[in-house]
Amino acid sequence: MSRPVENKNSEISSRGRRIEVVGEVVSDKMQKTIAVQVFRMIKHPLYGKFLKRTSVFKAHDEKQVAKIGDKVRIYESKPLSKTKRWILAEVVETAKR
């Protein structure tokens, strides 16, 4: 799922692999920031049933290209603000508007 991310000099980051996730943009009302909802499946420890869990991450969108409903790929970075720790890598699929 995760792979090394290339930086602006087109060389692989020396920090190793970065965590990447794919999710849906649920808010783009902030300047240069998007809120991305990510789904994951966990197995209940006792009953074995799979449960859907969600997380909402704030991601940095420098060019403000992602809109509500888009499917995007984000990767983890250093803290950029109090709640923002992710950066937009690419828009995987645009929403039908």
N, C-alpha and C. Protein backbone atom coordinates (compact mmCIF):
# COMPACT_ATOMS: atom_id res chain seq x y z
N MET A 1 0.83 -1.19 0.00
CA MET A 1 0.00 0.00 0.00
C MET A 1 0.87 1.25 0.00
N SER A 2 1.87 1.29 0.87
CA SER A 2 2.71 2.48 0.90
C SER A 2 3.96 2.25 0.08
N ARG A 3 4.46 3.33 -0.48
CA ARG A 3 5.67 3.25 -1.28
C ARG A 3 6.46 4.52 -1.06
N PRO A 4 7.76 4.52 -1.38
CA PRO A 4 8.55 5.73 -1.17
C PRO A 4 8.01 6.88 -2.01
N VAL A 5 8.01 8.05 -1.43
CA VAL A 5 7.49 9.23 -2.11
C VAL A 5 8.67 10.05 -2.60
N GLU A 6 8.55 10.53 -3.83
CA GLU A 6 9.63 11.34 -4.39
C GLU A 6 9.45 12.79 -3.98
N ASN A 7 10.56 13.45 -3.63
CA ASN A 7 10.46 14.86 -3.27
C ASN A 7 10.66 15.72 -4.51
N LYS A 8 10.77 17.03 -4.35
CA LYS A 8 10.83 17.95 -5.47
C LYS A 8 12.06 17.74 -6.35
N ASN A 9 13.13 17.18 -5.80
CA ASN A 9 14.34 16.94 -6.58
C ASN A 9 14.31 15.60 -7.29
N SER A 10 13.15 14.94 -7.31
CA SER A 10 12.91 13.64 -7.95
C SER A 10 13.86 12.55 -7.47
N GLU A 11 14.19 12.59 -6.21
CA GLU A 11 14.95 11.50 -5.62
C GLU A 11 14.14 10.95 -4.46
N ILE A 12 14.31 9.68 -4.16
CA ILE A 12 13.52 9.04 -3.12
C ILE A 12 13.90 9.61 -1.76
N SER A 13 12.89 9.86 -0.95
CA SER A 13 13.11 10.43 0.37
C SER A 13 14.03 9.55 1.20
N SER A 14 14.95 10.16 1.93
CA SER A 14 15.90 9.40 2.73
C SER A 14 15.28 8.89 4.02
N ARG A 15 14.04 9.30 4.32
CA ARG A 15 13.39 8.86 5.54
C ARG A 15 12.76 7.49 5.39
N GLY A 16 12.82 6.90 4.23
CA GLY A 16 12.22 5.59 4.03
C GLY A 16 10.80 5.70 3.53
N ARG A 17 10.01 4.68 3.81
CA ARG A 17 8.63 4.63 3.33
C ARG A 17 7.74 5.58 4.13
N ARG A 18 6.82 6.22 3.43
CA ARG A 18 5.84 7.08 4.09
C ARG A 18 4.49 6.39 4.04
N ILE A 19 3.70 6.62 5.05
CA ILE A 19 2.37 6.02 5.11
C ILE A 19 1.46 6.78 4.13
N GLU A 20 0.80 6.03 3.25
CA GLU A 20 -0.14 6.62 2.30
C GLU A 20 -1.51 5.99 2.50
N VAL A 21 -2.55 6.79 2.40
CA VAL A 21 -3.91 6.29 2.47
C VAL A 21 -4.75 6.96 1.38
N VAL A 22 -5.84 6.29 1.01
CA VAL A 22 -6.76 6.82 0.01
C VAL A 22 -8.09 7.06 0.70
N GLY A 23 -8.67 8.23 0.48
CA GLY A 23 -9.94 8.57 1.11
C GLY A 23 -10.73 9.56 0.28
N GLU A 24 -11.85 10.00 0.84
CA GLU A 24 -12.74 10.91 0.14
C GLU A 24 -12.73 12.27 0.83
N VAL A 25 -12.69 13.32 0.03
CA VAL A 25 -12.69 14.68 0.57
C VAL A 25 -14.10 15.00 1.08
N VAL A 26 -14.19 15.38 2.37
CA VAL A 26 -15.48 15.71 2.96
C VAL A 26 -15.61 17.22 3.20
N SER A 27 -14.50 17.96 3.14
CA SER A 27 -14.56 19.40 3.31
C SER A 27 -13.38 20.05 2.61
N ASP A 28 -13.67 21.14 1.88
CA ASP A 28 -12.61 21.93 1.25
C ASP A 28 -12.80 23.41 1.52
N LYS A 29 -13.49 23.74 2.61
CA LYS A 29 -13.83 25.13 2.91
C LYS A 29 -12.66 25.93 3.48
N MET A 30 -11.61 25.25 3.94
CA MET A 30 -10.45 25.94 4.48
C MET A 30 -9.49 26.31 3.35
N GLN A 31 -8.64 27.29 3.59
CA GLN A 31 -7.66 27.68 2.59
C GLN A 31 -6.49 26.72 2.64
N LYS A 32 -6.17 26.09 1.49
CA LYS A 32 -5.04 25.17 1.34
C LYS A 32 -5.12 23.95 2.26
N THR A 33 -6.31 23.61 2.75
CA THR A 33 -6.49 22.46 3.63
C THR A 33 -7.77 21.73 3.22
N ILE A 34 -7.68 20.40 3.21
CA ILE A 34 -8.86 19.58 2.95
C ILE A 34 -9.02 18.58 4.09
N ALA A 35 -10.26 18.16 4.34
CA ALA A 35 -10.53 17.12 5.32
C ALA A 35 -10.84 15.85 4.52
N VAL A 36 -10.10 14.77 4.81
CA VAL A 36 -10.23 13.53 4.07
C VAL A 36 -10.72 12.44 5.02
N GLN A 37 -11.82 11.76 4.62
CA GLN A 37 -12.36 10.67 5.42
C GLN A 37 -11.83 9.36 4.86
N VAL A 38 -11.23 8.55 5.77
CA VAL A 38 -10.63 7.27 5.39
C VAL A 38 -11.37 6.16 6.11
N PHE A 39 -11.74 5.12 5.35
CA PHE A 39 -12.41 3.95 5.92
C PHE A 39 -11.40 2.84 6.11
N ARG A 40 -11.58 2.06 7.18
CA ARG A 40 -10.76 0.87 7.40
C ARG A 40 -11.65 -0.19 8.04
N MET A 41 -11.31 -1.45 7.82
CA MET A 41 -12.07 -2.57 8.38
C MET A 41 -11.24 -3.18 9.51
N ILE A 42 -11.87 -3.37 10.67
CA ILE A 42 -11.19 -4.04 11.78
C ILE A 42 -12.01 -5.25 12.18
N LYS A 43 -11.34 -6.24 12.72
CA LYS A 43 -12.01 -7.45 13.16
C LYS A 43 -12.27 -7.36 14.66
N HIS A 44 -13.51 -7.63 15.06
CA HIS A 44 -13.85 -7.59 16.48
C HIS A 44 -13.06 -8.68 17.19
N PRO A 45 -12.40 -8.35 18.32
CA PRO A 45 -11.52 -9.31 18.97
C PRO A 45 -12.23 -10.55 19.50
N LEU A 46 -13.48 -10.43 19.92
CA LEU A 46 -14.20 -11.56 20.49
C LEU A 46 -15.08 -12.28 19.47
N TYR A 47 -15.86 -11.52 18.73
CA TYR A 47 -16.87 -12.12 17.85
C TYR A 47 -16.40 -12.37 16.43
N GLY A 48 -15.30 -11.73 16.02
CA GLY A 48 -14.75 -11.98 14.69
C GLY A 48 -15.45 -11.23 13.57
N LYS A 49 -16.48 -10.47 13.88
CA LYS A 49 -17.19 -9.71 12.86
C LYS A 49 -16.32 -8.53 12.42
N PHE A 50 -16.36 -8.22 11.13
CA PHE A 50 -15.61 -7.08 10.62
C PHE A 50 -16.45 -5.82 10.75
N LEU A 51 -15.84 -4.77 11.30
CA LEU A 51 -16.51 -3.50 11.54
C LEU A 51 -15.85 -2.41 10.71
N LYS A 52 -16.65 -1.50 10.18
CA LYS A 52 -16.12 -0.38 9.43
C LYS A 52 -15.85 0.78 10.38
N ARG A 53 -14.64 1.29 10.35
CA ARG A 53 -14.25 2.43 11.17
C ARG A 53 -13.78 3.55 10.25
N THR A 54 -14.02 4.79 10.66
CA THR A 54 -13.62 5.94 9.85
C THR A 54 -12.71 6.86 10.65
N SER A 55 -11.87 7.57 9.93
CA SER A 55 -11.02 8.61 10.50
C SER A 55 -11.05 9.79 9.54
N VAL A 56 -10.97 11.00 10.09
CA VAL A 56 -10.92 12.19 9.26
C VAL A 56 -9.57 12.86 9.50
N PHE A 57 -8.81 13.03 8.42
CA PHE A 57 -7.49 13.64 8.49
C PHE A 57 -7.52 14.98 7.78
N LYS A 58 -6.81 15.96 8.31
CA LYS A 58 -6.63 17.24 7.64
C LYS A 58 -5.35 17.12 6.79
N ALA A 59 -5.45 17.52 5.53
CA ALA A 59 -4.32 17.41 4.61
C ALA A 59 -4.06 18.75 3.94
N HIS A 60 -2.79 19.01 3.65
CA HIS A 60 -2.37 20.25 3.00
C HIS A 60 -2.55 20.12 1.49
N ASP A 61 -3.28 21.05 0.89
CA ASP A 61 -3.54 21.07 -0.54
C ASP A 61 -3.06 22.42 -1.07
N GLU A 62 -1.80 22.49 -1.45
CA GLU A 62 -1.16 23.76 -1.81
C GLU A 62 -1.86 24.46 -2.98
N LYS A 63 -2.23 23.72 -4.02
CA LYS A 63 -2.82 24.34 -5.20
C LYS A 63 -4.34 24.36 -5.17
N GLN A 64 -4.93 23.84 -4.12
CA GLN A 64 -6.38 23.82 -3.93
C GLN A 64 -7.09 23.16 -5.11
N VAL A 65 -6.64 21.95 -5.48
CA VAL A 65 -7.22 21.24 -6.61
C VAL A 65 -8.31 20.26 -6.19
N ALA A 66 -8.28 19.76 -4.97
CA ALA A 66 -9.26 18.77 -4.51
C ALA A 66 -10.56 19.45 -4.10
N LYS A 67 -11.67 18.85 -4.49
CA LYS A 67 -12.99 19.36 -4.16
C LYS A 67 -13.78 18.28 -3.41
N ILE A 68 -14.91 18.65 -2.83
CA ILE A 68 -15.73 17.71 -2.06
C ILE A 68 -16.15 16.55 -2.95
N GLY A 69 -16.00 15.33 -2.44
CA GLY A 69 -16.40 14.14 -3.16
C GLY A 69 -15.28 13.48 -3.94
N ASP A 70 -14.16 14.17 -4.14
CA ASP A 70 -13.03 13.58 -4.86
C ASP A 70 -12.38 12.48 -4.04
N LYS A 71 -11.86 11.48 -4.73
CA LYS A 71 -11.08 10.43 -4.08
C LYS A 71 -9.62 10.83 -4.21
N VAL A 72 -8.91 10.94 -3.08
CA VAL A 72 -7.53 11.45 -3.08
C VAL A 72 -6.60 10.51 -2.33
N ARG A 73 -5.31 10.63 -2.69
CA ARG A 73 -4.26 9.90 -1.98
C ARG A 73 -3.46 10.92 -1.18
N ILE A 74 -3.29 10.67 0.12
CA ILE A 74 -2.53 11.57 0.99
C ILE A 74 -1.41 10.79 1.65
N TYR A 75 -0.35 11.48 2.03
CA TYR A 75 0.75 10.83 2.74
C TYR A 75 1.11 11.62 3.99
N GLU A 76 1.65 10.89 4.97
CA GLU A 76 1.98 11.47 6.26
C GLU A 76 3.21 12.36 6.16
N SER A 77 3.22 13.44 6.95
CA SER A 77 4.36 14.36 6.96
C SER A 77 4.58 14.86 8.37
N LYS A 78 5.51 15.79 8.49
CA LYS A 78 5.72 16.42 9.80
C LYS A 78 4.52 17.29 10.13
N PRO A 79 4.32 17.64 11.38
CA PRO A 79 3.18 18.51 11.73
C PRO A 79 3.27 19.87 11.04
N LEU A 80 2.22 20.22 10.32
CA LEU A 80 2.16 21.50 9.62
C LEU A 80 1.37 22.54 10.41
N SER A 81 0.49 22.08 11.28
CA SER A 81 -0.28 22.96 12.16
C SER A 81 -0.76 22.11 13.33
N LYS A 82 -1.68 22.65 14.11
CA LYS A 82 -2.17 21.92 15.29
C LYS A 82 -2.81 20.59 14.90
N THR A 83 -3.55 20.55 13.82
CA THR A 83 -4.27 19.32 13.43
C THR A 83 -3.83 18.75 12.09
N LYS A 84 -3.01 19.47 11.33
CA LYS A 84 -2.66 19.05 9.97
C LYS A 84 -1.33 18.30 9.95
N ARG A 85 -1.38 16.99 9.58
CA ARG A 85 -0.18 16.16 9.54
C ARG A 85 -0.06 15.36 8.24
N TRP A 86 -0.84 15.70 7.23
CA TRP A 86 -0.86 14.96 5.97
C TRP A 86 -0.73 15.94 4.81
N ILE A 87 -0.26 15.43 3.66
CA ILE A 87 -0.11 16.24 2.45
C ILE A 87 -0.78 15.51 1.29
N LEU A 88 -1.47 16.26 0.45
CA LEU A 88 -2.12 15.69 -0.72
C LEU A 88 -1.08 15.23 -1.72
N ALA A 89 -1.16 13.95 -2.13
CA ALA A 89 -0.24 13.42 -3.13
C ALA A 89 -0.84 13.56 -4.53
N GLU A 90 -2.11 13.12 -4.68
CA GLU A 90 -2.75 13.21 -5.98
C GLU A 90 -4.25 13.05 -5.83
N VAL A 91 -4.96 13.53 -6.83
CA VAL A 91 -6.40 13.29 -6.91
C VAL A 91 -6.56 12.03 -7.76
N VAL A 92 -7.07 10.96 -7.14
CA VAL A 92 -7.20 9.68 -7.83
C VAL A 92 -8.41 9.71 -8.77
N GLU A 93 -9.52 10.24 -8.28
CA GLU A 93 -10.75 10.26 -9.06
C GLU A 93 -11.55 11.50 -8.68
N THR A 94 -12.03 12.21 -9.71
CA THR A 94 -12.82 13.40 -9.43
C THR A 94 -14.28 13.03 -9.27
N ALA A 95 -14.99 13.80 -8.46
CA ALA A 95 -16.41 13.55 -8.21
C ALA A 95 -17.22 14.07 -9.38
N LYS A 96 -18.38 13.46 -9.59
CA LYS A 96 -19.28 13.93 -10.63
C LYS A 96 -20.04 15.13 -10.08
N ARG A 97 -19.84 16.28 -10.68
CA ARG A 97 -20.46 17.51 -10.19
C ARG A 97 -21.61 17.92 -11.08
